[in-house]
Amino acid sequence: MGPISLTSVDQAGREIGRNAARLLLERNADRGKPSVQAKLSPTLVEWRTTVRPSA
């Protein structure tokens, strides 16, 4: 059986991890620094399980 080509949502896990580590280190170095909120947009990764709407 080959790989399953399932459409999914890429939630940018590596980028979330990098941001979390960076923000934690920055906050640890300067405890008076205000909280920061980072927003990332997920992306749809289309494979064979996605059907485009008919026109």
PDB file of N, CA and C in Angstrom:
ATOM      1  N   MET A   1       0.837  -1.173   0.000  1.00  0.00           N
ATOM      2  CA  MET A   1       0.000   0.000   0.000  1.00  0.00           C
ATOM      3  C   MET A   1       0.886   1.241   0.000  1.00  0.00           C
ATOM      4  N   GLY A   2       0.596   2.199  -0.883  1.00  0.00           N
ATOM      5  CA  GLY A   2       1.382   3.424  -0.990  1.00  0.00           C
ATOM      6  C   GLY A   2       0.912   4.502  -0.026  1.00  0.00           C
ATOM      7  N   PRO A   3       1.539   5.656  -0.095  1.00  0.00           N
ATOM      8  CA  PRO A   3       1.152   6.756   0.795  1.00  0.00           C
ATOM      9  C   PRO A   3      -0.269   7.229   0.486  1.00  0.00           C
ATOM     10  N   ILE A   4      -0.955   7.687   1.508  1.00  0.00           N
ATOM     11  CA  ILE A   4      -2.313   8.194   1.353  1.00  0.00           C
ATOM     12  C   ILE A   4      -2.234   9.678   1.033  1.00  0.00           C
ATOM     13  N   SER A   5      -2.861  10.087  -0.060  1.00  0.00           N
ATOM     14  CA  SER A   5      -2.839  11.496  -0.477  1.00  0.00           C
ATOM     15  C   SER A   5      -4.059  12.205   0.088  1.00  0.00           C
ATOM     16  N   LEU A   6      -4.046  12.447   1.374  1.00  0.00           N
ATOM     17  CA  LEU A   6      -5.176  13.031   2.069  1.00  0.00           C
ATOM     18  C   LEU A   6      -4.999  14.536   2.213  1.00  0.00           C
ATOM     19  N   THR A   7      -6.009  15.300   1.804  1.00  0.00           N
ATOM     20  CA  THR A   7      -5.967  16.741   1.977  1.00  0.00           C
ATOM     21  C   THR A   7      -5.913  17.058   3.466  1.00  0.00           C
ATOM     22  N   SER A   8      -5.103  18.030   3.831  1.00  0.00           N
ATOM     23  CA  SER A   8      -4.945  18.353   5.250  1.00  0.00           C
ATOM     24  C   SER A   8      -4.698  19.846   5.424  1.00  0.00           C
ATOM     25  N   VAL A   9      -4.571  20.265   6.658  1.00  0.00           N
ATOM     26  CA  VAL A   9      -4.282  21.654   6.988  1.00  0.00           C
ATOM     27  C   VAL A   9      -2.892  21.699   7.618  1.00  0.00           C
ATOM     28  N   ASP A  10      -2.013  22.505   7.025  1.00  0.00           N
ATOM     29  CA  ASP A  10      -0.673  22.697   7.577  1.00  0.00           C
ATOM     30  C   ASP A  10      -0.778  23.813   8.607  1.00  0.00           C
ATOM     31  N   GLN A  11      -0.544  23.486   9.869  1.00  0.00           N
ATOM     32  CA  GLN A  11      -0.675  24.465  10.942  1.00  0.00           C
ATOM     33  C   GLN A  11       0.666  25.099  11.317  1.00  0.00           C
ATOM     34  N   ALA A  12       1.652  24.966  10.464  1.00  0.00           N
ATOM     35  CA  ALA A  12       2.968  25.601  10.647  1.00  0.00           C
ATOM     36  C   ALA A  12       3.592  25.240  11.986  1.00  0.00           C
ATOM     37  N   GLY A  13       3.614  23.960  12.304  1.00  0.00           N
ATOM     38  CA  GLY A  13       4.130  23.493  13.588  1.00  0.00           C
ATOM     39  C   GLY A  13       5.560  23.906  13.875  1.00  0.00           C
ATOM     40  N   ARG A  14       6.416  23.824  12.879  1.00  0.00           N
ATOM     41  CA  ARG A  14       7.823  24.210  13.109  1.00  0.00           C
ATOM     42  C   ARG A  14       7.944  25.698  13.392  1.00  0.00           C
ATOM     43  N   GLU A  15       7.203  26.495  12.644  1.00  0.00           N
ATOM     44  CA  GLU A  15       7.243  27.949  12.854  1.00  0.00           C
ATOM     45  C   GLU A  15       6.663  28.309  14.223  1.00  0.00           C
ATOM     46  N   ILE A  16       5.606  27.631  14.624  1.00  0.00           N
ATOM     47  CA  ILE A  16       5.035  27.852  15.958  1.00  0.00           C
ATOM     48  C   ILE A  16       6.080  27.527  17.021  1.00  0.00           C
ATOM     49  N   GLY A  17       6.782  26.415  16.861  1.00  0.00           N
ATOM     50  CA  GLY A  17       7.817  26.020  17.813  1.00  0.00           C
ATOM     51  C   GLY A  17       8.962  27.017  17.874  1.00  0.00           C
ATOM     52  N   ARG A  18       9.410  27.481  16.708  1.00  0.00           N
ATOM     53  CA  ARG A  18      10.488  28.481  16.669  1.00  0.00           C
ATOM     54  C   ARG A  18      10.062  29.763  17.375  1.00  0.00           C
ATOM     55  N   ASN A  19       8.854  30.231  17.063  1.00  0.00           N
ATOM     56  CA  ASN A  19       8.355  31.451  17.704  1.00  0.00           C
ATOM     57  C   ASN A  19       8.225  31.273  19.210  1.00  0.00           C
ATOM     58  N   ALA A  20       7.701  30.136  19.638  1.00  0.00           N
ATOM     59  CA  ALA A  20       7.528  29.883  21.067  1.00  0.00           C
ATOM     60  C   ALA A  20       8.871  29.896  21.797  1.00  0.00           C
ATOM     61  N   ALA A  21       9.869  29.236  21.217  1.00  0.00           N
ATOM     62  CA  ALA A  21      11.196  29.196  21.847  1.00  0.00           C
ATOM     63  C   ALA A  21      11.814  30.594  21.900  1.00  0.00           C
ATOM     64  N   ARG A  22      11.715  31.326  20.805  1.00  0.00           N
ATOM     65  CA  ARG A  22      12.285  32.683  20.751  1.00  0.00           C
ATOM     66  C   ARG A  22      11.604  33.591  21.775  1.00  0.00           C
ATOM     67  N   LEU A  23      10.272  33.558  21.803  1.00  0.00           N
ATOM     68  CA  LEU A  23       9.547  34.416  22.736  1.00  0.00           C
ATOM     69  C   LEU A  23       9.828  34.039  24.185  1.00  0.00           C
ATOM     70  N   LEU A  24       9.951  32.749  24.459  1.00  0.00           N
ATOM     71  CA  LEU A  24      10.275  32.301  25.813  1.00  0.00           C
ATOM     72  C   LEU A  24      11.649  32.798  26.244  1.00  0.00           C
ATOM     73  N   LEU A  25      12.638  32.674  25.368  1.00  0.00           N
ATOM     74  CA  LEU A  25      13.986  33.142  25.696  1.00  0.00           C
ATOM     75  C   LEU A  25      14.013  34.656  25.885  1.00  0.00           C
ATOM     76  N   GLU A  26      13.305  35.388  25.022  1.00  0.00           N
ATOM     77  CA  GLU A  26      13.250  36.845  25.158  1.00  0.00           C
ATOM     78  C   GLU A  26      12.579  37.244  26.470  1.00  0.00           C
ATOM     79  N   ARG A  27      11.498  36.591  26.804  1.00  0.00           N
ATOM     80  CA  ARG A  27      10.758  36.903  28.037  1.00  0.00           C
ATOM     81  C   ARG A  27      11.584  36.530  29.258  1.00  0.00           C
ATOM     82  N   ASN A  28      12.326  35.438  29.182  1.00  0.00           N
ATOM     83  CA  ASN A  28      13.174  35.005  30.289  1.00  0.00           C
ATOM     84  C   ASN A  28      14.323  35.989  30.505  1.00  0.00           C
ATOM     85  N   ALA A  29      14.849  36.553  29.418  1.00  0.00           N
ATOM     86  CA  ALA A  29      15.958  37.501  29.519  1.00  0.00           C
ATOM     87  C   ALA A  29      15.495  38.846  30.084  1.00  0.00           C
ATOM     88  N   ASP A  30      14.238  39.228  29.815  1.00  0.00           N
ATOM     89  CA  ASP A  30      13.702  40.498  30.299  1.00  0.00           C
ATOM     90  C   ASP A  30      12.296  40.257  30.831  1.00  0.00           C
ATOM     91  N   ARG A  31      12.221  39.940  32.109  1.00  0.00           N
ATOM     92  CA  ARG A  31      10.925  39.569  32.697  1.00  0.00           C
ATOM     93  C   ARG A  31       9.915  40.717  32.722  1.00  0.00           C
ATOM     94  N   GLY A  32      10.381  41.928  32.525  1.00  0.00           N
ATOM     95  CA  GLY A  32       9.472  43.062  32.489  1.00  0.00           C
ATOM     96  C   GLY A  32       8.874  43.295  31.117  1.00  0.00           C
ATOM     97  N   LYS A  33       9.354  42.562  30.139  1.00  0.00           N
ATOM     98  CA  LYS A  33       8.870  42.720  28.769  1.00  0.00           C
ATOM     99  C   LYS A  33       7.407  42.273  28.683  1.00  0.00           C
ATOM    100  N   PRO A  34       6.581  43.052  27.999  1.00  0.00           N
ATOM    101  CA  PRO A  34       5.164  42.672  27.894  1.00  0.00           C
ATOM    102  C   PRO A  34       4.974  41.416  27.040  1.00  0.00           C
ATOM    103  N   SER A  35       3.859  40.759  27.271  1.00  0.00           N
ATOM    104  CA  SER A  35       3.518  39.561  26.491  1.00  0.00           C
ATOM    105  C   SER A  35       3.350  39.910  25.021  1.00  0.00           C
ATOM    106  N   VAL A  36       3.666  38.954  24.171  1.00  0.00           N
ATOM    107  CA  VAL A  36       3.541  39.130  22.727  1.00  0.00           C
ATOM    108  C   VAL A  36       2.631  38.032  22.206  1.00  0.00           C
ATOM    109  N   GLN A  37       1.814  38.384  21.242  1.00  0.00           N
ATOM    110  CA  GLN A  37       0.938  37.396  20.618  1.00  0.00           C
ATOM    111  C   GLN A  37       1.332  37.257  19.156  1.00  0.00           C
ATOM    112  N   ALA A  38       1.688  36.060  18.744  1.00  0.00           N
ATOM    113  CA  ALA A  38       2.062  35.796  17.352  1.00  0.00           C
ATOM    114  C   ALA A  38       0.927  35.045  16.680  1.00  0.00           C
ATOM    115  N   LYS A  39       0.517  35.515  15.521  1.00  0.00           N
ATOM    116  CA  LYS A  39      -0.575  34.863  14.797  1.00  0.00           C
ATOM    117  C   LYS A  39      -0.044  34.309  13.481  1.00  0.00           C
ATOM    118  N   LEU A  40      -0.340  33.067  13.230  1.00  0.00           N
ATOM    119  CA  LEU A  40       0.052  32.410  11.993  1.00  0.00           C
ATOM    120  C   LEU A  40      -1.202  31.895  11.305  1.00  0.00           C
ATOM    121  N   SER A  41      -1.204  31.940  10.006  1.00  0.00           N
ATOM    122  CA  SER A  41      -2.366  31.463   9.253  1.00  0.00           C
ATOM    123  C   SER A  41      -2.112  30.048   8.746  1.00  0.00           C
ATOM    124  N   PRO A  42      -3.042  29.142   9.002  1.00  0.00           N
ATOM    125  CA  PRO A  42      -2.891  27.788   8.464  1.00  0.00           C
ATOM    126  C   PRO A  42      -3.107  27.796   6.953  1.00  0.00           C
ATOM    127  N   THR A  43      -2.574  26.794   6.284  1.00  0.00           N
ATOM    128  CA  THR A  43      -2.764  26.688   4.841  1.00  0.00           C
ATOM    129  C   THR A  43      -3.318  25.307   4.507  1.00  0.00           C
ATOM    130  N   LEU A  44      -4.167  25.276   3.502  1.00  0.00           N
ATOM    131  CA  LEU A  44      -4.742  24.020   3.051  1.00  0.00           C
ATOM    132  C   LEU A  44      -3.759  23.334   2.110  1.00  0.00           C
ATOM    133  N   VAL A  45      -3.461  22.079   2.373  1.00  0.00           N
ATOM    134  CA  VAL A  45      -2.576  21.289   1.523  1.00  0.00           C
ATOM    135  C   VAL A  45      -3.474  20.321   0.761  1.00  0.00           C
ATOM    136  N   GLU A  46      -3.697  20.631  -0.495  1.00  0.00           N
ATOM    137  CA  GLU A  46      -4.627  19.854  -1.304  1.00  0.00           C
ATOM    138  C   GLU A  46      -3.957  18.644  -1.945  1.00  0.00           C
ATOM    139  N   TRP A  47      -4.623  17.515  -1.840  1.00  0.00           N
ATOM    140  CA  TRP A  47      -4.184  16.289  -2.479  1.00  0.00           C
ATOM    141  C   TRP A  47      -5.367  15.705  -3.244  1.00  0.00           C
ATOM    142  N   ARG A  48      -5.337  14.441  -3.480  1.00  0.00           N
ATOM    143  CA  ARG A  48      -6.376  13.802  -4.313  1.00  0.00           C
ATOM    144  C   ARG A  48      -7.742  13.749  -3.652  1.00  0.00           C
ATOM    145  N   THR A  49      -7.820  13.969  -2.351  1.00  0.00           N
ATOM    146  CA  THR A  49      -9.118  13.877  -1.674  1.00  0.00           C
ATOM    147  C   THR A  49      -9.926  15.172  -1.764  1.00  0.00           C
ATOM    148  N   THR A  50      -9.374  16.198  -2.413  1.00  0.00           N
ATOM    149  CA  THR A  50     -10.089  17.462  -2.565  1.00  0.00           C
ATOM    150  C   THR A  50     -10.684  17.550  -3.955  1.00  0.00           C
ATOM    151  N   VAL A  51     -11.947  17.921  -3.984  1.00  0.00           N
ATOM    152  CA  VAL A  51     -12.625  18.115  -5.274  1.00  0.00           C
ATOM    153  C   VAL A  51     -12.968  19.591  -5.368  1.00  0.00           C
ATOM    154  N   ARG A  52     -12.570  20.218  -6.469  1.00  0.00           N
ATOM    155  CA  ARG A  52     -12.882  21.627  -6.669  1.00  0.00           C
ATOM    156  C   ARG A  52     -14.361  21.801  -6.972  1.00  0.00           C
ATOM    157  N   PRO A  53     -14.963  22.884  -6.467  1.00  0.00           N
ATOM    158  CA  PRO A  53     -16.376  23.117  -6.741  1.00  0.00           C
ATOM    159  C   PRO A  53     -16.613  23.308  -8.250  1.00  0.00           C
ATOM    160  N   SER A  54     -17.751  22.825  -8.733  1.00  0.00           N
ATOM    161  CA  SER A  54     -18.052  23.020 -10.146  1.00  0.00           C
ATOM    162  C   SER A  54     -18.449  24.461 -10.388  1.00  0.00           C
ATOM    163  N   ALA A  55     -18.147  24.952 -11.566  1.00  0.00           N
ATOM    164  CA  ALA A  55     -18.406  26.365 -11.896  1.00  0.00           C
ATOM    165  C   ALA A  55     -19.856  26.616 -12.224  1.00  0.00           C
TER     166      ALA A  55
END
